[in-house]
Amino acid sequence: MSAPARPIVVVARWNVPATARATVLALLPELQRHSLQEPGCLGYEVLHAPQAPEYIVLIERYRDSAAIEAHRSTTHYRSLVVERIVPLLSSRQVDLLETLD
Protein backbone atom coordinates (compact mmCIF):
# COMPACT_ATOMS: atom_id res chain seq x y z
CA MET A 1 0.00 0.00 0.00
CA SER A 2 1.47 3.35 -1.00
CA ALA A 3 1.73 6.26 1.39
CA PRO A 4 -0.82 9.03 0.92
CA ALA A 5 0.36 12.01 -1.09
CA ARG A 6 1.76 14.81 1.02
CA PRO A 7 0.40 18.30 0.61
CA ILE A 8 2.60 20.49 -1.55
CA VAL A 9 3.44 24.07 -0.66
CA VAL A 10 4.13 26.49 -3.48
CA VAL A 11 6.30 29.49 -2.60
CA ALA A 12 6.19 32.05 -5.39
CA ARG A 13 8.49 35.06 -5.05
CA TRP A 14 7.74 37.99 -7.29
CA ASN A 15 9.66 41.21 -7.83
CA VAL A 16 7.18 43.80 -9.02
CA PRO A 17 8.46 47.06 -10.49
CA ALA A 18 6.95 50.19 -8.92
CA THR A 19 5.24 50.98 -12.23
CA ALA A 20 3.30 47.69 -12.09
CA ARG A 21 2.65 47.42 -8.35
CA ALA A 22 -0.88 48.91 -8.36
CA THR A 23 -1.96 46.66 -11.23
CA VAL A 24 -0.57 43.49 -9.66
CA LEU A 25 -2.02 44.30 -6.23
CA ALA A 26 -5.43 44.92 -7.79
CA LEU A 27 -5.40 41.46 -9.45
CA LEU A 28 -4.27 39.46 -6.41
CA PRO A 29 -7.57 39.38 -4.46
CA GLU A 30 -9.36 37.88 -7.48
CA LEU A 31 -6.60 35.32 -7.97
CA GLN A 32 -6.68 34.38 -4.29
CA ARG A 33 -10.49 34.11 -4.20
CA HIS A 34 -10.67 31.85 -7.26
CA SER A 35 -7.74 29.71 -6.10
CA LEU A 36 -9.28 29.10 -2.68
CA GLN A 37 -12.43 27.81 -4.40
CA GLU A 38 -10.49 25.02 -6.12
CA PRO A 39 -11.15 21.62 -4.51
CA GLY A 40 -7.42 20.83 -4.15
CA CYS A 41 -6.37 24.19 -2.70
CA LEU A 42 -5.80 24.00 1.06
CA GLY A 43 -4.60 27.58 1.56
CA TYR A 44 -3.47 30.71 -0.26
CA GLU A 45 -1.68 33.64 1.35
CA VAL A 46 -0.32 36.81 -0.19
CA LEU A 47 2.55 38.41 1.73
CA HIS A 48 4.74 41.46 1.27
CA ALA A 49 7.78 42.96 2.89
CA PRO A 50 6.92 46.48 4.10
CA GLN A 51 10.57 47.48 3.84
CA ALA A 52 10.73 46.19 0.23
CA PRO A 53 7.42 47.04 -1.49
CA GLU A 54 8.55 45.50 -4.77
CA TYR A 55 8.72 42.04 -3.15
CA ILE A 56 5.55 39.89 -3.03
CA VAL A 57 5.40 36.28 -1.86
CA LEU A 58 2.56 33.84 -2.43
CA ILE A 59 2.29 30.82 -0.13
CA GLU A 60 -0.08 28.26 -1.61
CA ARG A 61 -0.95 24.82 -0.22
CA TYR A 62 -2.34 22.07 -2.42
CA ARG A 63 -3.56 18.57 -1.63
CA ASP A 64 -1.09 16.98 -4.08
CA SER A 65 0.70 17.50 -7.40
CA ALA A 66 -2.51 16.78 -9.32
CA ALA A 67 -4.15 19.72 -7.54
CA ILE A 68 -1.28 21.99 -8.60
CA GLU A 69 -1.64 20.86 -12.21
CA ALA A 70 -5.39 21.47 -11.99
CA HIS A 71 -4.69 24.96 -10.60
CA ARG A 72 -2.28 25.79 -13.41
CA SER A 73 -4.85 24.75 -16.02
CA THR A 74 -7.66 26.96 -14.68
CA THR A 75 -8.92 29.93 -16.62
CA HIS A 76 -8.23 32.29 -13.73
CA TYR A 77 -4.59 31.17 -13.41
CA ARG A 78 -3.95 31.47 -17.14
CA SER A 79 -5.72 34.82 -17.55
CA LEU A 80 -4.54 36.49 -14.34
CA VAL A 81 -1.07 35.05 -13.74
CA VAL A 82 0.25 33.93 -17.11
CA GLU A 83 -1.29 36.63 -19.30
CA ARG A 84 -1.53 39.67 -17.03
CA ILE A 85 0.82 39.44 -14.03
CA VAL A 86 3.93 37.56 -15.21
CA PRO A 87 4.65 39.98 -18.09
CA LEU A 88 4.80 42.82 -15.53
CA LEU A 89 7.28 41.16 -13.15
CA SER A 90 10.99 41.95 -13.15
CA SER A 91 11.67 38.44 -11.77
CA ARG A 92 9.81 35.38 -10.55
CA GLN A 93 10.91 32.30 -8.61
CA VAL A 94 8.58 29.40 -7.81
CA ASP A 95 9.51 26.55 -5.45
CA LEU A 96 7.45 23.42 -4.77
CA LEU A 97 8.01 22.10 -1.25
CA GLU A 98 6.84 19.17 0.88
CA THR A 99 6.78 18.89 4.65
CA LEU A 100 9.43 16.72 6.32
CA ASP A 101 7.13 15.03 8.83
PDB file of N, CA and C in Angstrom:
ATOM      1  N   MET A   1       0.843  -1.178   0.000  1.00  0.00           N
ATOM      2  CA  MET A   1       0.000   0.000   0.000  1.00  0.00           C
ATOM      3  C   MET A   1       0.889   1.243   0.000  1.00  0.00           C
ATOM      4  N   SER A   2       0.627   2.157  -0.905  1.00  0.00           N
ATOM      5  CA  SER A   2       1.470   3.346  -0.997  1.00  0.00           C
ATOM      6  C   SER A   2       1.040   4.388   0.033  1.00  0.00           C
ATOM      7  N   ALA A   3       2.002   5.200   0.422  1.00  0.00           N
ATOM      8  CA  ALA A   3       1.730   6.263   1.389  1.00  0.00           C
ATOM      9  C   ALA A   3       0.859   7.328   0.731  1.00  0.00           C
ATOM     10  N   PRO A   4      -0.002   7.972   1.501  1.00  0.00           N
ATOM     11  CA  PRO A   4      -0.822   9.032   0.923  1.00  0.00           C
ATOM     12  C   PRO A   4       0.064  10.186   0.460  1.00  0.00           C
ATOM     13  N   ALA A   5      -0.391  10.866  -0.569  1.00  0.00           N
ATOM     14  CA  ALA A   5       0.361  12.010  -1.088  1.00  0.00           C
ATOM     15  C   ALA A   5       0.438  13.098  -0.019  1.00  0.00           C
ATOM     16  N   ARG A   6       1.593  13.703   0.081  1.00  0.00           N
ATOM     17  CA  ARG A   6       1.763  14.812   1.021  1.00  0.00           C
ATOM     18  C   ARG A   6       1.280  16.098   0.362  1.00  0.00           C
ATOM     19  N   PRO A   7       0.736  16.995   1.165  1.00  0.00           N
ATOM     20  CA  PRO A   7       0.399  18.304   0.605  1.00  0.00           C
ATOM     21  C   PRO A   7       1.666  18.975   0.068  1.00  0.00           C
ATOM     22  N   ILE A   8       1.482  19.770  -0.940  1.00  0.00           N
ATOM     23  CA  ILE A   8       2.598  20.493  -1.548  1.00  0.00           C
ATOM     24  C   ILE A   8       2.398  21.982  -1.304  1.00  0.00           C
ATOM     25  N   VAL A   9       3.467  22.636  -0.893  1.00  0.00           N
ATOM     26  CA  VAL A   9       3.444  24.075  -0.664  1.00  0.00           C
ATOM     27  C   VAL A   9       4.182  24.745  -1.816  1.00  0.00           C
ATOM     28  N   VAL A  10       3.526  25.699  -2.420  1.00  0.00           N
ATOM     29  CA  VAL A  10       4.132  26.494  -3.483  1.00  0.00           C
ATOM     30  C   VAL A  10       4.549  27.823  -2.866  1.00  0.00           C
ATOM     31  N   VAL A  11       5.812  28.182  -3.039  1.00  0.00           N
ATOM     32  CA  VAL A  11       6.300  29.487  -2.602  1.00  0.00           C
ATOM     33  C   VAL A  11       6.707  30.236  -3.868  1.00  0.00           C
ATOM     34  N   ALA A  12       5.920  31.246  -4.198  1.00  0.00           N
ATOM     35  CA  ALA A  12       6.192  32.053  -5.391  1.00  0.00           C
ATOM     36  C   ALA A  12       6.698  33.415  -4.933  1.00  0.00           C
ATOM     37  N   ARG A  13       7.882  33.777  -5.404  1.00  0.00           N
ATOM     38  CA  ARG A  13       8.492  35.061  -5.051  1.00  0.00           C
ATOM     39  C   ARG A  13       8.491  35.944  -6.292  1.00  0.00           C
ATOM     40  N   TRP A  14       7.844  37.071  -6.163  1.00  0.00           N
ATOM     41  CA  TRP A  14       7.737  37.994  -7.294  1.00  0.00           C
ATOM     42  C   TRP A  14       8.415  39.310  -6.957  1.00  0.00           C
ATOM     43  N   ASN A  15       9.169  39.841  -7.905  1.00  0.00           N
ATOM     44  CA  ASN A  15       9.663  41.209  -7.833  1.00  0.00           C
ATOM     45  C   ASN A  15       8.826  42.026  -8.800  1.00  0.00           C
ATOM     46  N   VAL A  16       8.124  42.996  -8.247  1.00  0.00           N
ATOM     47  CA  VAL A  16       7.179  43.799  -9.017  1.00  0.00           C
ATOM     48  C   VAL A  16       7.721  45.220  -9.128  1.00  0.00           C
ATOM     49  N   PRO A  17       7.992  45.683 -10.340  1.00  0.00           N
ATOM     50  CA  PRO A  17       8.460  47.061 -10.487  1.00  0.00           C
ATOM     51  C   PRO A  17       7.414  48.048  -9.951  1.00  0.00           C
ATOM     52  N   ALA A  18       7.860  49.184  -9.473  1.00  0.00           N
ATOM     53  CA  ALA A  18       6.949  50.195  -8.922  1.00  0.00           C
ATOM     54  C   ALA A  18       5.862  50.576  -9.922  1.00  0.00           C
ATOM     55  N   THR A  19       6.210  50.593 -11.194  1.00  0.00           N
ATOM     56  CA  THR A  19       5.244  50.982 -12.226  1.00  0.00           C
ATOM     57  C   THR A  19       4.120  49.967 -12.404  1.00  0.00           C
ATOM     58  N   ALA A  20       4.315  48.746 -11.938  1.00  0.00           N
ATOM     59  CA  ALA A  20       3.303  47.694 -12.094  1.00  0.00           C
ATOM     60  C   ALA A  20       2.646  47.305 -10.776  1.00  0.00           C
ATOM     61  N   ARG A  21       3.120  47.846  -9.682  1.00  0.00           N
ATOM     62  CA  ARG A  21       2.646  47.423  -8.354  1.00  0.00           C
ATOM     63  C   ARG A  21       1.131  47.561  -8.190  1.00  0.00           C
ATOM     64  N   ALA A  22       0.564  48.691  -8.536  1.00  0.00           N
ATOM     65  CA  ALA A  22      -0.881  48.907  -8.359  1.00  0.00           C
ATOM     66  C   ALA A  22      -1.686  47.901  -9.172  1.00  0.00           C
ATOM     67  N   THR A  23      -1.252  47.626 -10.379  1.00  0.00           N
ATOM     68  CA  THR A  23      -1.958  46.664 -11.235  1.00  0.00           C
ATOM     69  C   THR A  23      -1.908  45.268 -10.637  1.00  0.00           C
ATOM     70  N   VAL A  24      -0.726  44.833 -10.232  1.00  0.00           N
ATOM     71  CA  VAL A  24      -0.571  43.486  -9.662  1.00  0.00           C
ATOM     72  C   VAL A  24      -1.376  43.365  -8.369  1.00  0.00           C
ATOM     73  N   LEU A  25      -1.280  44.354  -7.496  1.00  0.00           N
ATOM     74  CA  LEU A  25      -2.020  44.303  -6.234  1.00  0.00           C
ATOM     75  C   LEU A  25      -3.529  44.273  -6.457  1.00  0.00           C
ATOM     76  N   ALA A  26      -3.998  44.922  -7.494  1.00  0.00           N
ATOM     77  CA  ALA A  26      -5.433  44.920  -7.795  1.00  0.00           C
ATOM     78  C   ALA A  26      -5.909  43.556  -8.291  1.00  0.00           C
ATOM     79  N   LEU A  27      -5.025  42.774  -8.923  1.00  0.00           N
ATOM     80  CA  LEU A  27      -5.395  41.459  -9.452  1.00  0.00           C
ATOM     81  C   LEU A  27      -5.309  40.345  -8.411  1.00  0.00           C
ATOM     82  N   LEU A  28      -4.509  40.529  -7.387  1.00  0.00           N
ATOM     83  CA  LEU A  28      -4.269  39.458  -6.412  1.00  0.00           C
ATOM     84  C   LEU A  28      -5.504  38.998  -5.631  1.00  0.00           C
ATOM     85  N   PRO A  29      -6.393  39.880  -5.186  1.00  0.00           N
ATOM     86  CA  PRO A  29      -7.575  39.375  -4.465  1.00  0.00           C
ATOM     87  C   PRO A  29      -8.444  38.444  -5.317  1.00  0.00           C
ATOM     88  N   GLU A  30      -8.587  38.754  -6.584  1.00  0.00           N
ATOM     89  CA  GLU A  30      -9.362  37.885  -7.479  1.00  0.00           C
ATOM     90  C   GLU A  30      -8.671  36.534  -7.652  1.00  0.00           C
ATOM     91  N   LEU A  31      -7.364  36.556  -7.838  1.00  0.00           N
ATOM     92  CA  LEU A  31      -6.601  35.316  -7.970  1.00  0.00           C
ATOM     93  C   LEU A  31      -6.725  34.475  -6.703  1.00  0.00           C
ATOM     94  N   GLN A  32      -6.580  35.097  -5.561  1.00  0.00           N
ATOM     95  CA  GLN A  32      -6.678  34.385  -4.288  1.00  0.00           C
ATOM     96  C   GLN A  32      -8.076  33.788  -4.105  1.00  0.00           C
ATOM     97  N   ARG A  33      -9.104  34.572  -4.370  1.00  0.00           N
ATOM     98  CA  ARG A  33     -10.487  34.110  -4.198  1.00  0.00           C
ATOM     99  C   ARG A  33     -10.773  32.889  -5.066  1.00  0.00           C
ATOM    100  N   HIS A  34     -10.428  32.972  -6.346  1.00  0.00           N
ATOM    101  CA  HIS A  34     -10.671  31.846  -7.255  1.00  0.00           C
ATOM    102  C   HIS A  34      -9.851  30.622  -6.852  1.00  0.00           C
ATOM    103  N   SER A  35      -8.607  30.833  -6.474  1.00  0.00           N
ATOM    104  CA  SER A  35      -7.737  29.711  -6.104  1.00  0.00           C
ATOM    105  C   SER A  35      -8.274  28.982  -4.880  1.00  0.00           C
ATOM    106  N   LEU A  36      -8.746  29.724  -3.893  1.00  0.00           N
ATOM    107  CA  LEU A  36      -9.277  29.104  -2.679  1.00  0.00           C
ATOM    108  C   LEU A  36     -10.555  28.304  -2.938  1.00  0.00           C
ATOM    109  N   GLN A  37     -11.220  28.557  -4.045  1.00  0.00           N
ATOM    110  CA  GLN A  37     -12.431  27.811  -4.402  1.00  0.00           C
ATOM    111  C   GLN A  37     -12.114  26.485  -5.090  1.00  0.00           C
ATOM    112  N   GLU A  38     -10.869  26.278  -5.474  1.00  0.00           N
ATOM    113  CA  GLU A  38     -10.488  25.021  -6.121  1.00  0.00           C
ATOM    114  C   GLU A  38     -10.529  23.892  -5.094  1.00  0.00           C
ATOM    115  N   PRO A  39     -11.042  22.718  -5.477  1.00  0.00           N
ATOM    116  CA  PRO A  39     -11.150  21.619  -4.514  1.00  0.00           C
ATOM    117  C   PRO A  39      -9.815  21.175  -3.919  1.00  0.00           C
ATOM    118  N   GLY A  40      -8.716  21.288  -4.650  1.00  0.00           N
ATOM    119  CA  GLY A  40      -7.421  20.827  -4.154  1.00  0.00           C
ATOM    120  C   GLY A  40      -6.603  21.875  -3.439  1.00  0.00           C
ATOM    121  N   CYS A  41      -7.109  23.109  -3.358  1.00  0.00           N
ATOM    122  CA  CYS A  41      -6.367  24.192  -2.697  1.00  0.00           C
ATOM    123  C   CYS A  41      -6.683  24.187  -1.208  1.00  0.00           C
ATOM    124  N   LEU A  42      -5.647  24.054  -0.393  1.00  0.00           N
ATOM    125  CA  LEU A  42      -5.796  24.004   1.062  1.00  0.00           C
ATOM    126  C   LEU A  42      -5.513  25.344   1.732  1.00  0.00           C
ATOM    127  N   GLY A  43      -4.917  26.277   1.000  1.00  0.00           N
ATOM    128  CA  GLY A  43      -4.602  27.585   1.563  1.00  0.00           C
ATOM    129  C   GLY A  43      -3.912  28.461   0.538  1.00  0.00           C
ATOM    130  N   TYR A  44      -4.052  29.772   0.696  1.00  0.00           N
ATOM    131  CA  TYR A  44      -3.473  30.707  -0.264  1.00  0.00           C
ATOM    132  C   TYR A  44      -3.260  32.036   0.448  1.00  0.00           C
ATOM    133  N   GLU A  45      -2.012  32.395   0.677  1.00  0.00           N
ATOM    134  CA  GLU A  45      -1.682  33.643   1.354  1.00  0.00           C
ATOM    135  C   GLU A  45      -0.851  34.530   0.443  1.00  0.00           C
ATOM    136  N   VAL A  46      -1.097  35.821   0.533  1.00  0.00           N
ATOM    137  CA  VAL A  46      -0.315  36.815  -0.191  1.00  0.00           C
ATOM    138  C   VAL A  46       0.405  37.653   0.857  1.00  0.00           C
ATOM    139  N   LEU A  47       1.732  37.703   0.757  1.00  0.00           N
ATOM    140  CA  LEU A  47       2.552  38.414   1.734  1.00  0.00           C
ATOM    141  C   LEU A  47       3.408  39.462   1.036  1.00  0.00           C
ATOM    142  N   HIS A  48       3.805  40.466   1.807  1.00  0.00           N
ATOM    143  CA  HIS A  48       4.740  41.459   1.271  1.00  0.00           C
ATOM    144  C   HIS A  48       5.693  41.886   2.370  1.00  0.00           C
ATOM    145  N   ALA A  49       6.786  42.440   1.954  1.00  0.00           N
ATOM    146  CA  ALA A  49       7.781  42.960   2.894  1.00  0.00           C
ATOM    147  C   ALA A  49       7.617  44.477   2.931  1.00  0.00           C
ATOM    148  N   PRO A  50       7.130  45.036   4.040  1.00  0.00           N
ATOM    149  CA  PRO A  50       6.916  46.485   4.095  1.00  0.00           C
ATOM    150  C   PRO A  50       8.172  47.294   3.766  1.00  0.00           C
ATOM    151  N   GLN A  51       9.335  46.762   4.123  1.00  0.00           N
ATOM    152  CA  GLN A  51      10.574  47.482   3.842  1.00  0.00           C
ATOM    153  C   GLN A  51      11.033  47.318   2.393  1.00  0.00           C
ATOM    154  N   ALA A  52      10.389  46.420   1.641  1.00  0.00           N
ATOM    155  CA  ALA A  52      10.732  46.193   0.228  1.00  0.00           C
ATOM    156  C   ALA A  52       9.431  46.022  -0.560  1.00  0.00           C
ATOM    157  N   PRO A  53       8.751  47.124  -0.877  1.00  0.00           N
ATOM    158  CA  PRO A  53       7.422  47.039  -1.487  1.00  0.00           C
ATOM    159  C   PRO A  53       7.385  46.340  -2.844  1.00  0.00           C
ATOM    160  N   GLU A  54       8.523  46.180  -3.476  1.00  0.00           N
ATOM    161  CA  GLU A  54       8.549  45.496  -4.774  1.00  0.00           C
ATOM    162  C   GLU A  54       8.508  43.972  -4.632  1.00  0.00           C
ATOM    163  N   TYR A  55       8.599  43.468  -3.417  1.00  0.00           N
ATOM    164  CA  TYR A  55       8.717  42.038  -3.149  1.00  0.00           C
ATOM    165  C   TYR A  55       7.385  41.480  -2.651  1.00  0.00           C
ATOM    166  N   ILE A  56       6.800  40.550  -3.405  1.00  0.00           N
ATOM    167  CA  ILE A  56       5.547  39.893  -3.033  1.00  0.00           C
ATOM    168  C   ILE A  56       5.794  38.391  -3.008  1.00  0.00           C
ATOM    169  N   VAL A  57       5.254  37.734  -1.991  1.00  0.00           N
ATOM    170  CA  VAL A  57       5.395  36.284  -1.861  1.00  0.00           C
ATOM    171  C   VAL A  57       4.005  35.669  -1.757  1.00  0.00           C
ATOM    172  N   LEU A  58       3.786  34.618  -2.521  1.00  0.00           N
ATOM    173  CA  LEU A  58       2.555  33.844  -2.430  1.00  0.00           C
ATOM    174  C   LEU A  58       2.904  32.509  -1.785  1.00  0.00           C
ATOM    175  N   ILE A  59       2.145  32.122  -0.768  1.00  0.00           N
ATOM    176  CA  ILE A  59       2.294  30.815  -0.128  1.00  0.00           C
ATOM    177  C   ILE A  59       0.996  30.062  -0.403  1.00  0.00           C
ATOM    178  N   GLU A  60       1.097  29.028  -1.208  1.00  0.00           N
ATOM    179  CA  GLU A  60      -0.081  28.264  -1.614  1.00  0.00           C
ATOM    180  C   GLU A  60       0.084  26.820  -1.149  1.00  0.00           C
ATOM    181  N   ARG A  61      -0.981  26.232  -0.649  1.00  0.00           N
ATOM    182  CA  ARG A  61      -0.947  24.821  -0.219  1.00  0.00           C
ATOM    183  C   ARG A  61      -1.956  24.043  -1.052  1.00  0.00           C
ATOM    184  N   TYR A  62      -1.482  22.922  -1.597  1.00  0.00           N
ATOM    185  CA  TYR A  62      -2.341  22.068  -2.421  1.00  0.00           C
ATOM    186  C   TYR A  62      -2.313  20.642  -1.901  1.00  0.00           C
ATOM    187  N   ARG A  63      -3.405  19.945  -2.095  1.00  0.00           N
ATOM    188  CA  ARG A  63      -3.564  18.567  -1.626  1.00  0.00           C
ATOM    189  C   ARG A  63      -2.465  17.659  -2.164  1.00  0.00           C
ATOM    190  N   ASP A  64      -2.098  17.832  -3.444  1.00  0.00           N
ATOM    191  CA  ASP A  64      -1.088  16.981  -4.080  1.00  0.00           C
ATOM    192  C   ASP A  64      -0.672  17.610  -5.404  1.00  0.00           C
ATOM    193  N   SER A  65       0.216  16.944  -6.129  1.00  0.00           N
ATOM    194  CA  SER A  65       0.703  17.500  -7.396  1.00  0.00           C
ATOM    195  C   SER A  65      -0.407  17.595  -8.437  1.00  0.00           C
ATOM    196  N   ALA A  66      -1.383  16.695  -8.385  1.00  0.00           N
ATOM    197  CA  ALA A  66      -2.507  16.777  -9.324  1.00  0.00           C
ATOM    198  C   ALA A  66      -3.306  18.061  -9.094  1.00  0.00           C
ATOM    199  N   ALA A  67      -3.429  18.476  -7.849  1.00  0.00           N
ATOM    200  CA  ALA A  67      -4.149  19.715  -7.540  1.00  0.00           C
ATOM    201  C   ALA A  67      -3.397  20.935  -8.070  1.00  0.00           C
ATOM    202  N   ILE A  68      -2.068  20.883  -8.036  1.00  0.00           N
ATOM    203  CA  ILE A  68      -1.278  21.989  -8.602  1.00  0.00           C
ATOM    204  C   ILE A  68      -1.468  22.045 -10.111  1.00  0.00           C
ATOM    205  N   GLU A  69      -1.423  20.897 -10.757  1.00  0.00           N
ATOM    206  CA  GLU A  69      -1.640  20.862 -12.209  1.00  0.00           C
ATOM    207  C   GLU A  69      -3.033  21.366 -12.559  1.00  0.00           C
ATOM    208  N   ALA A  70      -4.021  20.982 -11.764  1.00  0.00           N
ATOM    209  CA  ALA A  70      -5.385  21.470 -11.995  1.00  0.00           C
ATOM    210  C   ALA A  70      -5.431  22.989 -11.839  1.00  0.00           C
ATOM    211  N   HIS A  71      -4.749  23.515 -10.823  1.00  0.00           N
ATOM    212  CA  HIS A  71      -4.690  24.963 -10.598  1.00  0.00           C
ATOM    213  C   HIS A  71      -4.085  25.669 -11.806  1.00  0.00           C
ATOM    214  N   ARG A  72      -2.982  25.146 -12.291  1.00  0.00           N
ATOM    215  CA  ARG A  72      -2.284  25.788 -13.414  1.00  0.00           C
ATOM    216  C   ARG A  72      -3.061  25.714 -14.723  1.00  0.00           C
ATOM    217  N   SER A  73      -4.058  24.851 -14.789  1.00  0.00           N
ATOM    218  CA  SER A  73      -4.851  24.748 -16.020  1.00  0.00           C
ATOM    219  C   SER A  73      -6.152  25.548 -15.949  1.00  0.00           C
ATOM    220  N   THR A  74      -6.414  26.207 -14.812  1.00  0.00           N
ATOM    221  CA  THR A  74      -7.658  26.963 -14.684  1.00  0.00           C
ATOM    222  C   THR A  74      -7.623  28.236 -15.519  1.00  0.00           C
ATOM    223  N   THR A  75      -8.800  28.679 -15.876  1.00  0.00           N
ATOM    224  CA  THR A  75      -8.922  29.928 -16.623  1.00  0.00           C
ATOM    225  C   THR A  75      -8.383  31.098 -15.813  1.00  0.00           C
ATOM    226  N   HIS A  76      -8.683  31.142 -14.521  1.00  0.00           N
ATOM    227  CA  HIS A  76      -8.229  32.291 -13.726  1.00  0.00           C
ATOM    228  C   HIS A  76      -6.708  32.324 -13.604  1.00  0.00           C
ATOM    229  N   TYR A  77      -6.054  31.180 -13.479  1.00  0.00           N
ATOM    230  CA  TYR A  77      -4.589  31.171 -13.414  1.00  0.00           C
ATOM    231  C   TYR A  77      -3.999  31.652 -14.739  1.00  0.00           C
ATOM    232  N   ARG A  78      -4.500  31.097 -15.827  1.00  0.00           N
ATOM    233  CA  ARG A  78      -3.954  31.474 -17.137  1.00  0.00           C
ATOM    234  C   ARG A  78      -4.194  32.952 -17.441  1.00  0.00           C
ATOM    235  N   SER A  79      -5.415  33.432 -17.186  1.00  0.00           N
ATOM    236  CA  SER A  79      -5.717  34.818 -17.549  1.00  0.00           C
ATOM    237  C   SER A  79      -5.089  35.832 -16.592  1.00  0.00           C
ATOM    238  N   LEU A  80      -5.083  35.526 -15.301  1.00  0.00           N
ATOM    239  CA  LEU A  80      -4.535  36.494 -14.344  1.00  0.00           C
ATOM    240  C   LEU A  80      -3.024  36.398 -14.205  1.00  0.00           C
ATOM    241  N   VAL A  81      -2.509  35.205 -13.987  1.00  0.00           N
ATOM    242  CA  VAL A  81      -1.072  35.054 -13.737  1.00  0.00           C
ATOM    243  C   VAL A  81      -0.281  35.060 -15.038  1.00  0.00           C
ATOM    244  N   VAL A  82      -0.569  34.104 -15.903  1.00  0.00           N
ATOM    245  CA  VAL A  82       0.245  33.931 -17.112  1.00  0.00           C
ATOM    246  C   VAL A  82       0.130  35.126 -18.058  1.00  0.00           C
ATOM    247  N   GLU A  83      -1.093  35.579 -18.296  1.00  0.00           N
ATOM    248  CA  GLU A  83      -1.287  36.629 -19.299  1.00  0.00           C
ATOM    249  C   GLU A  83      -1.124  38.046 -18.763  1.00  0.00           C
ATOM    250  N   ARG A  84      -1.499  38.288 -17.504  1.00  0.00           N
ATOM    251  CA  ARG A  84      -1.529  39.668 -17.025  1.00  0.00           C
ATOM    252  C   ARG A  84      -0.448  40.008 -16.004  1.00  0.00           C
ATOM    253  N   ILE A  85      -0.141  39.103 -15.086  1.00  0.00           N
ATOM    254  CA  ILE A  85       0.823  39.439 -14.029  1.00  0.00           C
ATOM    255  C   ILE A  85       2.263  39.146 -14.435  1.00  0.00           C
ATOM    256  N   VAL A  86       2.543  37.939 -14.899  1.00  0.00           N
ATOM    257  CA  VAL A  86       3.930  37.556 -15.209  1.00  0.00           C
ATOM    258  C   VAL A  86       4.618  38.538 -16.162  1.00  0.00           C
ATOM    259  N   PRO A  87       3.954  39.028 -17.213  1.00  0.00           N
ATOM    260  CA  PRO A  87       4.650  39.977 -18.089  1.00  0.00           C
ATOM    261  C   PRO A  87       5.077  41.275 -17.389  1.00  0.00           C
ATOM    262  N   LEU A  88       4.468  41.585 -16.256  1.00  0.00           N
ATOM    263  CA  LEU A  88       4.800  42.815 -15.530  1.00  0.00           C
ATOM    264  C   LEU A  88       5.945  42.646 -14.537  1.00  0.00           C
ATOM    265  N   LEU A  89       6.287  41.416 -14.193  1.00  0.00           N
ATOM    266  CA  LEU A  89       7.282  41.159 -13.151  1.00  0.00           C
ATOM    267  C   LEU A  89       8.702  41.357 -13.662  1.00  0.00           C
ATOM    268  N   SER A  90       9.575  41.858 -12.782  1.00  0.00           N
ATOM    269  CA  SER A  90      10.990  41.946 -13.151  1.00  0.00           C
ATOM    270  C   SER A  90      11.687  40.615 -12.907  1.00  0.00           C
ATOM    271  N   SER A  91      11.169  39.806 -11.955  1.00  0.00           N
ATOM    272  CA  SER A  91      11.669  38.444 -11.766  1.00  0.00           C
ATOM    273  C   SER A  91      10.614  37.631 -11.028  1.00  0.00           C
ATOM    274  N   ARG A  92      10.775  36.308 -11.161  1.00  0.00           N
ATOM    275  CA  ARG A  92       9.812  35.382 -10.549  1.00  0.00           C
ATOM    276  C   ARG A  92      10.538  34.084 -10.234  1.00  0.00           C
ATOM    277  N   GLN A  93      10.352  33.601  -9.008  1.00  0.00           N
ATOM    278  CA  GLN A  93      10.905  32.304  -8.612  1.00  0.00           C
ATOM    279  C   GLN A  93       9.788  31.513  -7.952  1.00  0.00           C
ATOM    280  N   VAL A  94       9.627  30.258  -8.366  1.00  0.00           N
ATOM    281  CA  VAL A  94       8.579  29.403  -7.810  1.00  0.00           C
ATOM    282  C   VAL A  94       9.225  28.113  -7.319  1.00  0.00           C
ATOM    283  N   ASP A  95       8.997  27.791  -6.045  1.00  0.00           N
ATOM    284  CA  ASP A  95       9.507  26.553  -5.452  1.00  0.00           C
ATOM    285  C   ASP A  95       8.335  25.698  -5.000  1.00  0.00           C
ATOM    286  N   LEU A  96       8.430  24.390  -5.244  1.00  0.00           N
ATOM    287  CA  LEU A  96       7.447  23.422  -4.770  1.00  0.00           C
ATOM    288  C   LEU A  96       8.084  22.662  -3.620  1.00  0.00           C
ATOM    289  N   LEU A  97       7.441  22.683  -2.456  1.00  0.00           N
ATOM    290  CA  LEU A  97       8.012  22.103  -1.246  1.00  0.00           C
ATOM    291  C   LEU A  97       7.053  21.100  -0.619  1.00  0.00           C
ATOM    292  N   GLU A  98       7.626  20.126   0.097  1.00  0.00           N
ATOM    293  CA  GLU A  98       6.841  19.175   0.882  1.00  0.00           C
ATOM    294  C   GLU A  98       7.289  19.261   2.331  1.00  0.00           C
ATOM    295  N   THR A  99       6.398  18.917   3.244  1.00  0.00           N
ATOM    296  CA  THR A  99       6.776  18.888   4.654  1.00  0.00           C
ATOM    297  C   THR A  99       7.694  17.700   4.918  1.00  0.00           C
ATOM    298  N   LEU A 100       8.492  17.781   5.965  1.00  0.00           N
ATOM    299  CA  LEU A 100       9.428  16.717   6.320  1.00  0.00           C
ATOM    300  C   LEU A 100       8.863  15.728   7.328  1.00  0.00           C
ATOM    301  N   ASP A 101       7.657  15.919   7.790  1.00  0.00           N
ATOM    302  CA  ASP A 101       7.125  15.033   8.834  1.00  0.00           C
ATOM    303  C   ASP A 101       6.850  13.635   8.370  1.00  0.00           C
TER     304      ASP A 101
END
